[in-house]
Amino acid sequence: MKLPVDGQRVHKVLLDFDLTIEFDSGATVAFSEVVVDDLVVDEDNQFEGLRAFAMLLGLVCDDADFDESGVLRLTFDGRTRVVAHPRPEVESWEFCAADGSTVLCGAEGTVESWPAPPHRSDEVSTREGLPSIGATVVRISTGDDASVEFSDGTCLNFDLPLDAGYLVLRESVTASSDAGGDWVVELSSGHVIFYRPRTT
């Protein structure tokens, strides 16, 4: 069975609690465990997985299909690059089309699908802003519209060096200030982000 992403370009890669590929159409595929090329990625090495997924940025998906057992395969540049197998106790992967229709591989490979909701409300988007003290970094993304997103709904719109991801994701803001138009955000890991706002 096919997922409707053939011919679509990978435009963003996100990491929150899952690794997610986002296509130009807005469709996403999120993974709790996945093989990228020959690298097995799960909860224990998500940052390494983020770097591996970043190699897919700009590539066009040739094929995306799953079988009755729940195994999902995505092909880029004529070869299978991403494979997700069912997990025994948790969801393995979830596809969400731009219209909100969903296909999910649950525990033990049970594949379920839901149509688009009749009146889809778009997700509440983040806004560029200086995060509040105590806010937590909930998502980092790379690619088009890269950002670091915080639990208070603010974001910093820049492409975080992927090697710094483990110092940023799930860390809390301990200090934030406006230093003459540039923002300084200190995190509980000790990592400091210096940022020049794009908006006024």
N, C-alpha and C. Protein backbone atom coordinates (compact mmCIF):
# COMPACT_ATOMS: atom_id res chain seq x y z
N MET A 1 0.84 -1.17 0.00
CA MET A 1 0.00 0.00 0.00
C MET A 1 0.89 1.23 0.00
N LYS A 2 0.43 2.27 -0.62
CA LYS A 2 1.25 3.46 -0.84
C LYS A 2 0.88 4.59 0.11
N LEU A 3 1.89 5.39 0.43
CA LEU A 3 1.67 6.68 1.06
C LEU A 3 1.83 7.73 -0.04
N PRO A 4 0.98 8.74 -0.09
CA PRO A 4 0.99 9.69 -1.20
C PRO A 4 2.07 10.77 -1.08
N VAL A 5 3.33 10.34 -1.12
CA VAL A 5 4.43 11.32 -1.08
C VAL A 5 5.39 11.13 -2.25
N ASP A 6 5.05 10.26 -3.20
CA ASP A 6 5.91 10.07 -4.37
C ASP A 6 6.08 11.41 -5.08
N GLY A 7 7.30 11.73 -5.45
CA GLY A 7 7.58 12.96 -6.16
C GLY A 7 7.68 14.19 -5.28
N GLN A 8 7.56 14.02 -3.97
CA GLN A 8 7.64 15.16 -3.06
C GLN A 8 9.05 15.27 -2.47
N ARG A 9 9.47 16.51 -2.27
CA ARG A 9 10.81 16.81 -1.75
C ARG A 9 10.78 16.89 -0.22
N VAL A 10 11.81 16.34 0.42
CA VAL A 10 11.97 16.48 1.86
C VAL A 10 12.39 17.92 2.13
N HIS A 11 11.56 18.63 2.86
CA HIS A 11 11.84 20.05 3.06
C HIS A 11 12.24 20.38 4.48
N LYS A 12 11.97 19.48 5.44
CA LYS A 12 12.35 19.73 6.82
C LYS A 12 12.46 18.40 7.55
N VAL A 13 13.34 18.35 8.55
CA VAL A 13 13.48 17.20 9.43
C VAL A 13 13.33 17.74 10.85
N LEU A 14 12.50 17.08 11.65
CA LEU A 14 12.21 17.56 12.99
C LEU A 14 12.51 16.49 14.03
N LEU A 15 12.86 16.94 15.23
CA LEU A 15 13.04 16.03 16.35
C LEU A 15 12.34 16.62 17.56
N ASP A 16 11.38 15.87 18.09
CA ASP A 16 10.80 16.19 19.39
C ASP A 16 10.89 14.90 20.19
N PHE A 17 9.85 14.13 20.28
CA PHE A 17 9.96 12.80 20.86
C PHE A 17 10.11 11.74 19.78
N ASP A 18 9.81 12.09 18.56
CA ASP A 18 10.00 11.23 17.40
C ASP A 18 10.85 11.98 16.38
N LEU A 19 11.42 11.25 15.45
CA LEU A 19 12.06 11.86 14.29
C LEU A 19 11.02 11.96 13.19
N THR A 20 10.95 13.11 12.54
CA THR A 20 9.91 13.35 11.55
C THR A 20 10.50 13.92 10.28
N ILE A 21 10.03 13.38 9.14
CA ILE A 21 10.35 13.95 7.83
C ILE A 21 9.12 14.75 7.40
N GLU A 22 9.34 16.00 6.97
CA GLU A 22 8.24 16.80 6.43
C GLU A 22 8.51 17.08 4.96
N PHE A 23 7.49 16.87 4.14
CA PHE A 23 7.60 17.08 2.70
C PHE A 23 7.05 18.46 2.32
N ASP A 24 7.35 18.89 1.09
CA ASP A 24 6.89 20.20 0.61
C ASP A 24 5.39 20.39 0.75
N SER A 25 4.62 19.34 0.60
CA SER A 25 3.15 19.44 0.67
C SER A 25 2.64 19.68 2.08
N GLY A 26 3.51 19.49 3.08
CA GLY A 26 3.09 19.56 4.47
C GLY A 26 2.84 18.19 5.07
N ALA A 27 2.85 17.14 4.25
CA ALA A 27 2.71 15.77 4.75
C ALA A 27 3.93 15.42 5.59
N THR A 28 3.71 14.62 6.64
CA THR A 28 4.81 14.21 7.51
C THR A 28 4.78 12.70 7.74
N VAL A 29 5.96 12.15 8.03
CA VAL A 29 6.08 10.78 8.50
C VAL A 29 6.96 10.84 9.74
N ALA A 30 6.40 10.41 10.88
CA ALA A 30 7.11 10.41 12.16
C ALA A 30 7.47 8.97 12.53
N PHE A 31 8.65 8.81 13.13
CA PHE A 31 9.16 7.47 13.46
C PHE A 31 9.60 7.41 14.92
N SER A 32 9.24 6.32 15.61
CA SER A 32 9.78 6.09 16.95
C SER A 32 11.04 5.23 16.87
N GLU A 33 11.12 4.39 15.85
CA GLU A 33 12.32 3.59 15.57
C GLU A 33 12.38 3.40 14.07
N VAL A 34 13.56 3.55 13.50
CA VAL A 34 13.69 3.53 12.05
C VAL A 34 15.12 3.17 11.67
N VAL A 35 15.29 2.60 10.49
CA VAL A 35 16.62 2.37 9.94
C VAL A 35 16.81 3.38 8.81
N VAL A 36 17.85 4.20 8.93
CA VAL A 36 18.19 5.18 7.90
C VAL A 36 19.50 4.72 7.30
N ASP A 37 19.48 4.39 6.02
CA ASP A 37 20.61 3.71 5.38
C ASP A 37 20.90 2.48 6.23
N ASP A 38 22.02 2.38 6.91
CA ASP A 38 22.30 1.20 7.74
C ASP A 38 22.26 1.51 9.23
N LEU A 39 21.83 2.70 9.61
CA LEU A 39 21.82 3.13 11.00
C LEU A 39 20.45 2.89 11.63
N VAL A 40 20.41 2.11 12.71
CA VAL A 40 19.17 1.91 13.46
C VAL A 40 19.04 3.07 14.45
N VAL A 41 17.90 3.77 14.37
CA VAL A 41 17.68 4.94 15.21
C VAL A 41 16.47 4.68 16.10
N ASP A 42 16.65 4.90 17.41
CA ASP A 42 15.54 4.81 18.35
C ASP A 42 15.73 5.89 19.41
N GLU A 43 15.11 5.72 20.57
CA GLU A 43 15.17 6.73 21.62
C GLU A 43 16.59 6.98 22.12
N ASP A 44 17.47 6.00 21.97
CA ASP A 44 18.81 6.12 22.53
C ASP A 44 19.79 6.89 21.67
N ASN A 45 19.51 7.07 20.39
CA ASN A 45 20.47 7.77 19.52
C ASN A 45 19.75 8.71 18.55
N GLN A 46 18.75 9.43 19.06
CA GLN A 46 17.96 10.31 18.20
C GLN A 46 18.78 11.42 17.54
N PHE A 47 19.80 11.91 18.22
CA PHE A 47 20.58 13.00 17.64
C PHE A 47 21.42 12.50 16.47
N GLU A 48 21.92 11.29 16.59
CA GLU A 48 22.62 10.67 15.47
C GLU A 48 21.63 10.45 14.32
N GLY A 49 20.41 10.07 14.65
CA GLY A 49 19.36 9.90 13.65
C GLY A 49 18.99 11.21 12.98
N LEU A 50 18.98 12.29 13.74
CA LEU A 50 18.68 13.60 13.17
C LEU A 50 19.72 13.97 12.12
N ARG A 51 20.98 13.70 12.41
CA ARG A 51 22.04 13.97 11.43
C ARG A 51 21.85 13.09 10.19
N ALA A 52 21.48 11.83 10.38
CA ALA A 52 21.26 10.93 9.23
C ALA A 52 20.06 11.40 8.41
N PHE A 53 18.98 11.81 9.07
CA PHE A 53 17.81 12.32 8.36
C PHE A 53 18.13 13.60 7.62
N ALA A 54 19.02 14.42 8.16
CA ALA A 54 19.39 15.68 7.50
C ALA A 54 19.99 15.43 6.12
N MET A 55 20.56 14.25 5.91
CA MET A 55 21.12 13.90 4.60
C MET A 55 20.01 13.74 3.55
N LEU A 56 18.77 13.59 3.99
CA LEU A 56 17.64 13.45 3.07
C LEU A 56 17.08 14.80 2.61
N LEU A 57 17.49 15.88 3.27
CA LEU A 57 16.96 17.21 2.91
C LEU A 57 17.19 17.50 1.44
N GLY A 58 16.14 17.92 0.78
CA GLY A 58 16.21 18.26 -0.64
C GLY A 58 16.00 17.09 -1.58
N LEU A 59 16.04 15.86 -1.06
CA LEU A 59 15.82 14.69 -1.92
C LEU A 59 14.33 14.51 -2.20
N VAL A 60 14.03 13.94 -3.35
CA VAL A 60 12.66 13.66 -3.75
C VAL A 60 12.36 12.19 -3.48
N CYS A 61 11.21 11.92 -2.87
CA CYS A 61 10.81 10.55 -2.57
C CYS A 61 10.34 9.87 -3.85
N ASP A 62 10.99 8.77 -4.20
CA ASP A 62 10.60 7.98 -5.37
C ASP A 62 9.40 7.09 -5.06
N ASP A 63 9.36 6.55 -3.83
CA ASP A 63 8.33 5.59 -3.49
C ASP A 63 8.21 5.51 -1.98
N ALA A 64 7.00 5.36 -1.48
CA ALA A 64 6.74 5.16 -0.05
C ALA A 64 5.61 4.14 0.05
N ASP A 65 5.95 2.95 0.54
CA ASP A 65 4.90 1.94 0.66
C ASP A 65 5.07 1.14 1.93
N PHE A 66 3.96 0.53 2.37
CA PHE A 66 3.99 -0.33 3.55
C PHE A 66 3.23 -1.60 3.23
N ASP A 67 3.61 -2.68 3.91
CA ASP A 67 2.95 -3.96 3.66
C ASP A 67 1.98 -4.30 4.79
N GLU A 68 1.33 -5.45 4.67
CA GLU A 68 0.32 -5.86 5.65
C GLU A 68 0.88 -6.02 7.05
N SER A 69 2.18 -6.30 7.16
CA SER A 69 2.79 -6.48 8.48
C SER A 69 3.19 -5.15 9.12
N GLY A 70 3.05 -4.04 8.38
CA GLY A 70 3.36 -2.72 8.92
C GLY A 70 4.75 -2.20 8.60
N VAL A 71 5.52 -2.93 7.80
CA VAL A 71 6.86 -2.47 7.43
C VAL A 71 6.72 -1.36 6.39
N LEU A 72 7.32 -0.21 6.69
CA LEU A 72 7.28 0.96 5.80
C LEU A 72 8.65 1.16 5.17
N ARG A 73 8.66 1.39 3.86
CA ARG A 73 9.90 1.64 3.12
C ARG A 73 9.76 2.93 2.32
N LEU A 74 10.75 3.82 2.45
CA LEU A 74 10.80 5.04 1.65
C LEU A 74 12.04 4.99 0.79
N THR A 75 11.86 5.25 -0.50
CA THR A 75 12.95 5.19 -1.47
C THR A 75 13.27 6.59 -1.97
N PHE A 76 14.55 6.91 -1.96
CA PHE A 76 15.05 8.18 -2.48
C PHE A 76 16.21 7.86 -3.42
N ASP A 77 16.32 8.58 -4.51
CA ASP A 77 17.42 8.38 -5.46
C ASP A 77 17.56 6.93 -5.90
N GLY A 78 16.43 6.23 -6.07
CA GLY A 78 16.45 4.88 -6.60
C GLY A 78 16.84 3.80 -5.62
N ARG A 79 17.01 4.13 -4.34
CA ARG A 79 17.32 3.07 -3.38
C ARG A 79 16.57 3.31 -2.07
N THR A 80 16.27 2.23 -1.39
CA THR A 80 15.55 2.32 -0.12
C THR A 80 16.49 2.91 0.91
N ARG A 81 16.11 4.04 1.45
CA ARG A 81 16.95 4.74 2.41
C ARG A 81 16.39 4.67 3.83
N VAL A 82 15.06 4.53 3.95
CA VAL A 82 14.40 4.57 5.25
C VAL A 82 13.47 3.36 5.36
N VAL A 83 13.63 2.58 6.44
CA VAL A 83 12.77 1.42 6.69
C VAL A 83 12.35 1.45 8.15
N ALA A 84 11.04 1.30 8.39
CA ALA A 84 10.52 1.23 9.75
C ALA A 84 9.76 -0.08 9.92
N HIS A 85 10.16 -0.86 10.92
CA HIS A 85 9.51 -2.12 11.24
C HIS A 85 8.57 -1.91 12.43
N PRO A 86 7.52 -2.72 12.55
CA PRO A 86 6.64 -2.61 13.71
C PRO A 86 7.42 -2.85 15.01
N ARG A 87 6.93 -2.24 16.07
CA ARG A 87 7.51 -2.44 17.40
C ARG A 87 6.51 -3.22 18.25
N PRO A 88 6.98 -3.98 19.22
CA PRO A 88 6.06 -4.84 19.97
C PRO A 88 5.08 -4.09 20.87
N GLU A 89 5.47 -2.95 21.45
CA GLU A 89 4.61 -2.32 22.45
C GLU A 89 4.17 -0.90 22.11
N VAL A 90 4.78 -0.29 21.11
CA VAL A 90 4.45 1.11 20.80
C VAL A 90 4.29 1.31 19.30
N GLU A 91 3.79 2.48 18.95
CA GLU A 91 3.67 2.84 17.54
C GLU A 91 5.05 2.91 16.91
N SER A 92 5.15 2.50 15.67
CA SER A 92 6.42 2.53 14.94
C SER A 92 6.52 3.77 14.08
N TRP A 93 5.47 4.05 13.32
CA TRP A 93 5.47 5.20 12.42
C TRP A 93 4.06 5.75 12.26
N GLU A 94 4.00 7.02 11.87
CA GLU A 94 2.71 7.67 11.64
C GLU A 94 2.85 8.62 10.45
N PHE A 95 1.98 8.44 9.47
CA PHE A 95 1.91 9.34 8.32
C PHE A 95 0.73 10.27 8.51
N CYS A 96 0.94 11.55 8.29
CA CYS A 96 -0.15 12.52 8.35
C CYS A 96 -0.09 13.36 7.08
N ALA A 97 -1.13 13.26 6.26
CA ALA A 97 -1.21 14.04 5.02
C ALA A 97 -1.49 15.50 5.35
N ALA A 98 -1.28 16.36 4.40
CA ALA A 98 -1.51 17.79 4.60
C ALA A 98 -2.96 18.08 4.98
N ASP A 99 -3.89 17.23 4.56
CA ASP A 99 -5.30 17.45 4.89
C ASP A 99 -5.69 16.88 6.25
N GLY A 100 -4.74 16.24 6.94
CA GLY A 100 -5.01 15.67 8.25
C GLY A 100 -5.35 14.20 8.26
N SER A 101 -5.53 13.58 7.09
CA SER A 101 -5.76 12.13 7.08
C SER A 101 -4.50 11.44 7.59
N THR A 102 -4.71 10.32 8.27
CA THR A 102 -3.61 9.69 9.01
C THR A 102 -3.57 8.19 8.76
N VAL A 103 -2.35 7.66 8.67
CA VAL A 103 -2.11 6.22 8.65
C VAL A 103 -1.09 5.95 9.75
N LEU A 104 -1.37 4.98 10.61
CA LEU A 104 -0.54 4.73 11.78
C LEU A 104 -0.22 3.25 11.89
N CYS A 105 1.04 2.93 12.18
CA CYS A 105 1.44 1.55 12.47
C CYS A 105 1.55 1.42 13.98
N GLY A 106 0.57 0.76 14.57
CA GLY A 106 0.55 0.57 16.01
C GLY A 106 1.39 -0.61 16.44
N ALA A 107 1.28 -0.94 17.72
CA ALA A 107 2.03 -2.05 18.29
C ALA A 107 1.74 -3.33 17.52
N GLU A 108 2.78 -4.13 17.34
CA GLU A 108 2.69 -5.43 16.65
C GLU A 108 2.33 -5.31 15.17
N GLY A 109 2.41 -4.10 14.60
CA GLY A 109 2.20 -3.95 13.16
C GLY A 109 0.77 -3.72 12.72
N THR A 110 -0.13 -3.46 13.65
CA THR A 110 -1.50 -3.15 13.29
C THR A 110 -1.55 -1.79 12.60
N VAL A 111 -1.95 -1.76 11.33
CA VAL A 111 -2.01 -0.50 10.58
C VAL A 111 -3.46 -0.02 10.56
N GLU A 112 -3.64 1.23 11.00
CA GLU A 112 -4.96 1.84 11.02
C GLU A 112 -4.91 3.15 10.24
N SER A 113 -6.05 3.58 9.75
CA SER A 113 -6.09 4.86 9.04
C SER A 113 -7.37 5.61 9.40
N TRP A 114 -7.29 6.94 9.32
CA TRP A 114 -8.41 7.82 9.59
C TRP A 114 -8.48 8.85 8.48
N PRO A 115 -9.69 9.19 8.06
CA PRO A 115 -9.83 10.22 7.02
C PRO A 115 -9.51 11.60 7.59
N ALA A 116 -9.40 12.55 6.69
CA ALA A 116 -9.18 13.93 7.12
C ALA A 116 -10.37 14.40 7.94
N PRO A 117 -10.13 15.17 9.00
CA PRO A 117 -11.25 15.70 9.76
C PRO A 117 -12.07 16.66 8.89
N PRO A 118 -13.38 16.76 9.13
CA PRO A 118 -14.21 17.60 8.28
C PRO A 118 -13.84 19.08 8.32
N HIS A 119 -13.44 19.56 9.47
CA HIS A 119 -13.06 20.97 9.61
C HIS A 119 -11.72 21.02 10.30
N ARG A 120 -10.70 20.82 9.53
CA ARG A 120 -9.36 20.78 10.11
C ARG A 120 -8.97 22.16 10.60
N SER A 121 -8.54 22.19 11.85
CA SER A 121 -7.99 23.43 12.37
C SER A 121 -6.48 23.27 12.34
N ASP A 122 -5.80 24.22 11.74
CA ASP A 122 -4.35 24.15 11.66
C ASP A 122 -3.76 24.23 13.06
N GLU A 123 -2.61 23.58 13.21
CA GLU A 123 -1.93 23.62 14.49
C GLU A 123 -1.62 25.06 14.86
N VAL A 124 -1.60 25.29 16.16
CA VAL A 124 -1.20 26.61 16.62
C VAL A 124 0.28 26.76 16.29
N SER A 125 0.59 27.77 15.54
CA SER A 125 1.98 27.94 15.13
C SER A 125 2.75 28.70 16.20
N THR A 126 4.04 28.53 16.17
CA THR A 126 4.89 29.26 17.09
C THR A 126 5.15 30.64 16.50
N ARG A 127 5.62 31.53 17.33
CA ARG A 127 5.97 32.87 16.89
C ARG A 127 7.40 33.15 17.33
N GLU A 128 8.11 33.89 16.50
CA GLU A 128 9.45 34.27 16.89
C GLU A 128 9.36 35.15 18.13
N GLY A 129 10.10 34.77 19.15
CA GLY A 129 10.07 35.55 20.38
C GLY A 129 11.11 35.06 21.36
N LEU A 130 11.44 35.93 22.29
CA LEU A 130 12.38 35.59 23.35
C LEU A 130 11.66 34.65 24.31
N PRO A 131 12.17 33.43 24.51
CA PRO A 131 11.47 32.48 25.38
C PRO A 131 11.49 32.91 26.84
N SER A 132 10.48 32.51 27.57
CA SER A 132 10.40 32.84 28.99
C SER A 132 11.28 31.90 29.80
N ILE A 133 11.70 32.39 30.95
CA ILE A 133 12.51 31.56 31.85
C ILE A 133 11.65 30.38 32.30
N GLY A 134 12.21 29.19 32.24
CA GLY A 134 11.50 27.97 32.58
C GLY A 134 10.91 27.25 31.39
N ALA A 135 10.78 27.94 30.24
CA ALA A 135 10.29 27.28 29.03
C ALA A 135 11.28 26.20 28.62
N THR A 136 10.79 25.14 28.03
CA THR A 136 11.62 24.01 27.62
C THR A 136 11.68 23.94 26.10
N VAL A 137 12.84 23.55 25.59
CA VAL A 137 12.96 23.32 24.15
C VAL A 137 12.22 22.02 23.82
N VAL A 138 11.17 22.12 23.01
CA VAL A 138 10.33 20.96 22.71
C VAL A 138 10.59 20.38 21.33
N ARG A 139 11.22 21.14 20.44
CA ARG A 139 11.46 20.64 19.09
C ARG A 139 12.59 21.42 18.45
N ILE A 140 13.43 20.69 17.71
CA ILE A 140 14.41 21.34 16.85
C ILE A 140 14.19 20.81 15.44
N SER A 141 14.43 21.67 14.45
CA SER A 141 14.26 21.23 13.07
C SER A 141 15.36 21.82 12.22
N THR A 142 15.65 21.12 11.12
CA THR A 142 16.65 21.58 10.17
C THR A 142 16.04 21.49 8.78
N GLY A 143 16.56 22.28 7.87
CA GLY A 143 16.00 22.33 6.52
C GLY A 143 15.32 23.66 6.30
N ASP A 144 14.34 23.68 5.39
CA ASP A 144 13.58 24.91 5.15
C ASP A 144 12.87 25.31 6.44
N ASP A 145 12.87 26.58 6.76
CA ASP A 145 12.19 27.09 7.96
C ASP A 145 12.69 26.41 9.24
N ALA A 146 13.99 26.18 9.34
CA ALA A 146 14.57 25.55 10.52
C ALA A 146 14.30 26.42 11.75
N SER A 147 14.16 25.76 12.90
CA SER A 147 13.89 26.52 14.12
C SER A 147 14.18 25.70 15.36
N VAL A 148 14.23 26.42 16.48
CA VAL A 148 14.25 25.84 17.82
C VAL A 148 12.96 26.32 18.48
N GLU A 149 12.08 25.38 18.88
CA GLU A 149 10.77 25.74 19.41
C GLU A 149 10.71 25.47 20.91
N PHE A 150 10.03 26.36 21.63
CA PHE A 150 9.94 26.30 23.08
C PHE A 150 8.51 26.00 23.53
N SER A 151 8.38 25.51 24.76
CA SER A 151 7.07 25.12 25.30
C SER A 151 6.14 26.31 25.52
N ASP A 152 6.65 27.52 25.53
CA ASP A 152 5.79 28.70 25.71
C ASP A 152 5.26 29.24 24.39
N GLY A 153 5.50 28.52 23.28
CA GLY A 153 4.99 28.93 21.98
C GLY A 153 5.91 29.85 21.20
N THR A 154 7.08 30.13 21.75
CA THR A 154 8.05 30.96 21.04
C THR A 154 9.01 30.07 20.25
N CYS A 155 9.70 30.68 19.30
CA CYS A 155 10.72 29.95 18.56
C CYS A 155 11.82 30.91 18.14
N LEU A 156 12.96 30.35 17.86
CA LEU A 156 14.09 31.06 17.28
C LEU A 156 14.30 30.44 15.91
N ASN A 157 14.24 31.25 14.87
CA ASN A 157 14.27 30.75 13.49
C ASN A 157 15.69 30.71 12.95
N PHE A 158 16.38 29.61 13.24
CA PHE A 158 17.72 29.41 12.71
C PHE A 158 18.00 27.92 12.67
N ASP A 159 19.04 27.56 11.93
CA ASP A 159 19.43 26.16 11.77
C ASP A 159 20.49 25.85 12.81
N LEU A 160 20.07 25.23 13.91
CA LEU A 160 20.98 24.86 14.99
C LEU A 160 21.99 23.85 14.48
N PRO A 161 23.29 24.04 14.75
CA PRO A 161 24.25 23.00 14.37
C PRO A 161 23.83 21.67 15.01
N LEU A 162 23.72 20.63 14.21
CA LEU A 162 23.18 19.36 14.70
C LEU A 162 24.01 18.76 15.83
N ASP A 163 25.30 19.06 15.86
CA ASP A 163 26.13 18.54 16.95
C ASP A 163 25.75 19.15 18.30
N ALA A 164 25.04 20.26 18.30
CA ALA A 164 24.61 20.90 19.54
C ALA A 164 23.22 20.45 19.97
N GLY A 165 22.56 19.62 19.17
CA GLY A 165 21.19 19.22 19.46
C GLY A 165 21.00 18.64 20.84
N TYR A 166 21.92 17.80 21.30
CA TYR A 166 21.76 17.16 22.60
C TYR A 166 21.91 18.15 23.75
N LEU A 167 22.53 19.30 23.50
CA LEU A 167 22.66 20.34 24.52
C LEU A 167 21.45 21.26 24.57
N VAL A 168 20.53 21.10 23.61
CA VAL A 168 19.42 22.04 23.47
C VAL A 168 18.06 21.37 23.69
N LEU A 169 17.78 20.26 22.99
CA LEU A 169 16.47 19.63 23.08
C LEU A 169 16.16 19.18 24.50
N ARG A 170 14.96 19.51 24.97
CA ARG A 170 14.44 19.16 26.29
C ARG A 170 15.12 19.90 27.43
N GLU A 171 15.92 20.91 27.11
CA GLU A 171 16.56 21.73 28.14
C GLU A 171 15.68 22.94 28.45
N SER A 172 15.79 23.45 29.67
CA SER A 172 14.99 24.59 30.11
C SER A 172 15.78 25.88 29.98
N VAL A 173 15.04 26.96 29.77
CA VAL A 173 15.65 28.29 29.70
C VAL A 173 15.93 28.76 31.12
N THR A 174 17.19 29.09 31.41
CA THR A 174 17.55 29.60 32.73
C THR A 174 17.70 31.11 32.73
N ALA A 175 17.96 31.70 31.57
CA ALA A 175 18.05 33.16 31.45
C ALA A 175 17.78 33.53 30.00
N SER A 176 17.14 34.67 29.81
CA SER A 176 16.94 35.18 28.45
C SER A 176 16.92 36.70 28.53
N SER A 177 17.60 37.32 27.57
CA SER A 177 17.69 38.77 27.62
C SER A 177 17.83 39.34 26.21
N ASP A 178 17.50 40.62 26.12
CA ASP A 178 17.66 41.38 24.89
C ASP A 178 18.88 42.26 25.09
N ALA A 179 19.93 41.98 24.34
CA ALA A 179 21.19 42.72 24.48
C ALA A 179 21.35 43.64 23.28
N GLY A 180 20.68 44.78 23.32
CA GLY A 180 20.81 45.75 22.24
C GLY A 180 20.31 45.25 20.90
N GLY A 181 19.19 44.53 20.91
CA GLY A 181 18.61 44.02 19.67
C GLY A 181 18.96 42.58 19.38
N ASP A 182 19.99 42.05 19.99
CA ASP A 182 20.33 40.63 19.88
C ASP A 182 19.82 39.92 21.13
N TRP A 183 19.34 38.70 20.95
CA TRP A 183 18.82 37.94 22.08
C TRP A 183 19.85 36.94 22.55
N VAL A 184 19.90 36.76 23.87
CA VAL A 184 20.79 35.78 24.48
C VAL A 184 19.91 34.84 25.30
N VAL A 185 19.98 33.54 25.00
CA VAL A 185 19.17 32.54 25.69
C VAL A 185 20.12 31.51 26.29
N GLU A 186 20.07 31.38 27.62
CA GLU A 186 20.90 30.39 28.32
C GLU A 186 20.03 29.22 28.71
N LEU A 187 20.55 28.01 28.48
CA LEU A 187 19.81 26.78 28.77
C LEU A 187 20.40 26.05 29.96
N SER A 188 19.61 25.16 30.55
CA SER A 188 20.03 24.42 31.73
C SER A 188 21.26 23.55 31.48
N SER A 189 21.54 23.21 30.24
CA SER A 189 22.74 22.43 29.90
C SER A 189 24.00 23.28 29.94
N GLY A 190 23.83 24.61 30.03
CA GLY A 190 24.96 25.53 29.96
C GLY A 190 25.14 26.10 28.56
N HIS A 191 24.44 25.54 27.59
CA HIS A 191 24.53 26.03 26.21
C HIS A 191 23.90 27.42 26.12
N VAL A 192 24.56 28.31 25.39
CA VAL A 192 24.06 29.67 25.21
C VAL A 192 23.78 29.89 23.72
N ILE A 193 22.60 30.42 23.43
CA ILE A 193 22.22 30.75 22.05
C ILE A 193 22.25 32.26 21.90
N PHE A 194 23.04 32.74 20.96
CA PHE A 194 23.05 34.15 20.59
C PHE A 194 22.25 34.27 19.31
N TYR A 195 21.26 35.15 19.30
CA TYR A 195 20.30 35.16 18.20
C TYR A 195 19.93 36.59 17.82
N ARG A 196 19.92 36.87 16.54
CA ARG A 196 19.45 38.16 16.03
C ARG A 196 18.05 37.95 15.47
N PRO A 197 17.02 38.59 16.06
CA PRO A 197 15.64 38.39 15.61
C PRO A 197 15.44 38.81 14.16
N ARG A 198 14.56 38.08 13.48
CA ARG A 198 14.21 38.40 12.09
C ARG A 198 13.05 39.38 12.03
N THR A 199 12.24 39.40 13.10
CA THR A 199 11.09 40.31 13.15
C THR A 199 11.39 41.40 14.15
N THR A 200 10.57 42.43 14.12
CA THR A 200 10.78 43.53 15.07
C THR A 200 9.82 43.45 16.22
